[in-house]
């Protein structure tokens, strides 16, 4: 019963720092305010949400650093597919008396080359973020305004629920 409750509460990755979890955002400062940013979602987080949270964090962190605009360089969105299957799926044949009545024999027969499996798809986005004020630095194209991104995407951001106390 407890396991069922735990499974039913697992949902898409909320907007949060990666911390101990491998899901959420992570950033690393490079130089002059430039930073590397990544957001990884779990298998219940769709690509659009990953990209929305990624862009929101780029704007939010640029604003925290005191910049009003930012640009993304070398943005990559990855799709990771993981498939598993049970190679021994099929009938399990056996006979025996149990451990208190003597020996028992069990035979596992793989039929059809494997059985039902599980397919997991996860998305992650990463890029170098170049924050700035005023005119865009040379070679920077397609910049975004911090306040416009925050106000446009803010309603779509789902943060984790507060911890129970």
Protein backbone atom coordinates (compact mmCIF):
# COMPACT_ATOMS: atom_id res chain seq x y z
CA UNK A 1 0.00 0.00 0.00
CA UNK A 2 2.82 2.39 0.87
CA UNK A 3 4.66 1.51 -2.34
CA UNK A 4 1.55 2.28 -4.37
CA UNK A 5 1.21 5.67 -2.68
CA UNK A 6 4.86 6.48 -3.35
CA UNK A 7 4.55 5.57 -7.02
CA UNK A 8 1.39 7.60 -7.53
CA UNK A 9 3.00 10.79 -6.21
CA UNK A 10 5.97 10.66 -8.58
CA UNK A 11 5.39 13.18 -11.33
CA UNK A 12 7.29 15.39 -13.72
CA UNK A 13 10.49 17.00 -12.48
CA UNK A 14 9.60 20.29 -10.80
CA UNK A 15 11.58 23.49 -11.33
CA UNK A 16 14.39 22.96 -8.81
CA UNK A 17 18.13 22.77 -8.38
CA UNK A 18 19.55 19.32 -9.10
CA UNK A 19 21.01 18.99 -5.62
CA UNK A 20 21.15 15.34 -4.57
CA UNK A 21 18.79 14.41 -7.39
CA UNK A 22 20.09 14.10 -10.92
CA UNK A 23 16.94 15.90 -12.11
CA UNK A 24 16.61 19.68 -12.14
CA UNK A 25 18.99 22.48 -13.08
CA UNK A 26 22.72 22.81 -12.55
CA UNK A 27 25.00 25.67 -13.42
CA UNK A 28 28.73 26.32 -13.33
CA UNK A 29 30.37 29.74 -13.63
CA UNK A 30 32.86 30.04 -16.48
CA UNK A 31 34.06 33.68 -16.72
CA UNK A 32 32.76 37.28 -16.68
CA UNK A 33 29.32 36.09 -15.61
CA UNK A 34 29.13 33.52 -18.39
CA UNK A 35 27.88 30.19 -17.09
CA UNK A 36 27.16 26.66 -18.26
CA UNK A 37 23.56 25.64 -17.59
CA UNK A 38 21.83 22.26 -17.82
CA UNK A 39 18.35 21.05 -16.95
CA UNK A 40 17.53 17.33 -16.82
CA UNK A 41 14.00 15.97 -16.55
CA UNK A 42 12.83 12.56 -15.39
CA UNK A 43 10.87 10.17 -17.62
CA UNK A 44 7.61 11.96 -16.82
CA UNK A 45 8.88 15.38 -17.91
CA UNK A 46 8.20 16.21 -21.55
CA UNK A 47 10.61 18.02 -23.86
CA UNK A 48 8.63 21.28 -23.84
CA UNK A 49 8.76 21.47 -20.03
CA UNK A 50 12.52 20.76 -19.98
CA UNK A 51 13.13 23.55 -22.49
CA UNK A 52 10.79 25.95 -20.64
CA UNK A 53 12.50 25.35 -17.28
CA UNK A 54 15.92 25.62 -18.91
CA UNK A 55 15.12 29.00 -20.49
CA UNK A 56 13.49 30.26 -17.29
CA UNK A 57 16.59 29.34 -15.26
CA UNK A 58 18.86 31.06 -17.81
CA UNK A 59 16.84 34.26 -17.36
CA UNK A 60 16.51 33.92 -13.59
CA UNK A 61 20.23 33.32 -12.99
CA UNK A 62 21.23 36.09 -15.41
CA UNK A 63 18.99 38.46 -13.40
CA UNK A 64 20.49 37.23 -10.11
CA UNK A 65 23.91 38.13 -11.49
CA UNK A 66 22.71 41.67 -12.26
CA UNK A 67 22.27 41.36 -16.03
CA UNK A 68 19.22 42.43 -18.05
CA UNK A 69 19.79 40.30 -21.18
CA UNK A 70 21.29 36.97 -22.12
CA UNK A 71 22.09 34.79 -25.11
CA UNK A 72 22.50 31.04 -25.47
CA UNK A 73 25.51 29.52 -27.19
CA UNK A 74 25.79 25.89 -28.31
CA UNK A 75 22.37 24.87 -26.99
CA UNK A 76 21.73 21.13 -27.13
CA UNK A 77 18.56 19.21 -26.27
CA UNK A 78 19.18 15.51 -25.78
CA UNK A 79 16.68 12.67 -25.82
CA UNK A 80 17.74 9.58 -23.85
CA UNK A 81 15.78 6.39 -24.48
CA UNK A 82 16.28 3.44 -22.18
CA UNK A 83 14.60 0.14 -22.92
CA UNK A 84 14.59 -2.90 -20.68
CA UNK A 85 12.94 -6.25 -21.10
CA UNK A 86 12.70 -9.51 -19.23
CA UNK A 87 14.58 -12.18 -21.19
CA UNK A 88 13.05 -14.92 -19.03
CA UNK A 89 9.47 -13.84 -19.46
CA UNK A 90 7.20 -16.81 -19.93
CA UNK A 91 5.86 -19.70 -17.93
CA UNK A 92 7.84 -20.89 -14.95
CA UNK A 93 7.66 -24.66 -14.64
CA UNK A 94 8.59 -26.54 -11.56
CA UNK A 95 7.72 -29.04 -8.91
CA UNK A 96 8.76 -29.60 -5.36
CA UNK A 97 7.65 -29.85 -1.82
CA UNK A 98 9.05 -26.71 -0.28
CA UNK A 99 11.95 -26.32 2.09
CA UNK A 100 10.43 -28.28 4.97
CA UNK A 101 9.61 -31.34 2.88
CA UNK A 102 12.82 -32.08 1.00
CA UNK A 103 14.23 -30.90 -2.27
CA UNK A 104 12.52 -28.93 -5.01
CA UNK A 105 13.29 -28.36 -8.67
CA UNK A 106 12.34 -25.30 -10.69
CA UNK A 107 12.85 -24.77 -14.40
CA UNK A 108 12.60 -21.35 -16.07
CA UNK A 109 11.82 -21.44 -19.76
CA UNK A 110 12.47 -18.30 -21.84
CA UNK A 111 9.91 -18.19 -24.64
CA UNK A 112 9.85 -15.89 -27.66
CA UNK A 113 13.15 -14.12 -26.99
CA UNK A 114 11.99 -11.96 -24.14
CA UNK A 115 8.84 -10.48 -22.83
CA UNK A 116 7.18 -7.31 -21.74
CA UNK A 117 9.57 -4.53 -20.99
CA UNK A 118 9.78 -0.92 -20.02
CA UNK A 119 10.65 2.07 -22.18
CA UNK A 120 11.83 5.29 -20.55
CA UNK A 121 12.39 8.59 -22.41
CA UNK A 122 14.12 11.52 -20.71
CA UNK A 123 15.13 14.94 -22.01
CA UNK A 124 17.89 17.32 -20.99
CA UNK A 125 18.95 20.72 -22.28
CA UNK A 126 22.30 22.44 -21.92
CA UNK A 127 24.07 25.55 -23.21
CA UNK A 128 26.55 28.25 -22.37
CA UNK A 129 24.66 31.33 -21.18
CA UNK A 130 26.17 34.73 -21.97
CA UNK A 131 24.47 37.39 -19.82
CA UNK A 132 25.04 41.10 -20.51
CA UNK A 133 23.68 44.64 -20.13
CA UNK A 134 23.27 47.14 -22.98
CA UNK A 135 24.38 46.11 -26.44
CA UNK A 136 25.08 42.49 -27.22
CA UNK A 137 28.76 41.49 -27.26
CA UNK A 138 30.29 40.75 -30.65
CA UNK A 139 29.27 37.38 -32.01
CA UNK A 140 26.17 37.16 -29.79
CA UNK A 141 22.91 36.78 -31.70
CA UNK A 142 19.36 35.99 -30.70
CA UNK A 143 19.53 37.49 -27.24
CA UNK A 144 16.60 37.57 -24.83
CA UNK A 145 15.40 40.08 -22.24
CA UNK A 146 15.48 38.72 -18.68
CA UNK A 147 12.25 40.37 -17.51
CA UNK A 148 10.30 39.38 -20.62
CA UNK A 149 11.31 35.72 -20.27
CA UNK A 150 10.52 35.65 -16.55
CA UNK A 151 7.07 37.21 -17.00
CA UNK A 152 6.19 35.10 -20.07
CA UNK A 153 7.28 31.74 -18.61
CA UNK A 154 6.59 32.36 -14.91
CA UNK A 155 3.02 30.98 -14.96
CA UNK A 156 4.25 27.66 -16.44
CA UNK A 157 6.83 27.07 -13.69
CA UNK A 158 5.91 24.32 -11.20
CA UNK A 159 8.07 24.34 -8.10
CA UNK A 160 8.32 21.39 -5.71
CA UNK A 161 5.80 21.32 -2.87
CA UNK A 162 7.04 22.67 0.48
CA UNK A 163 8.54 19.99 2.71
CA UNK A 164 6.18 18.58 5.34
CA UNK A 165 7.19 19.62 8.83
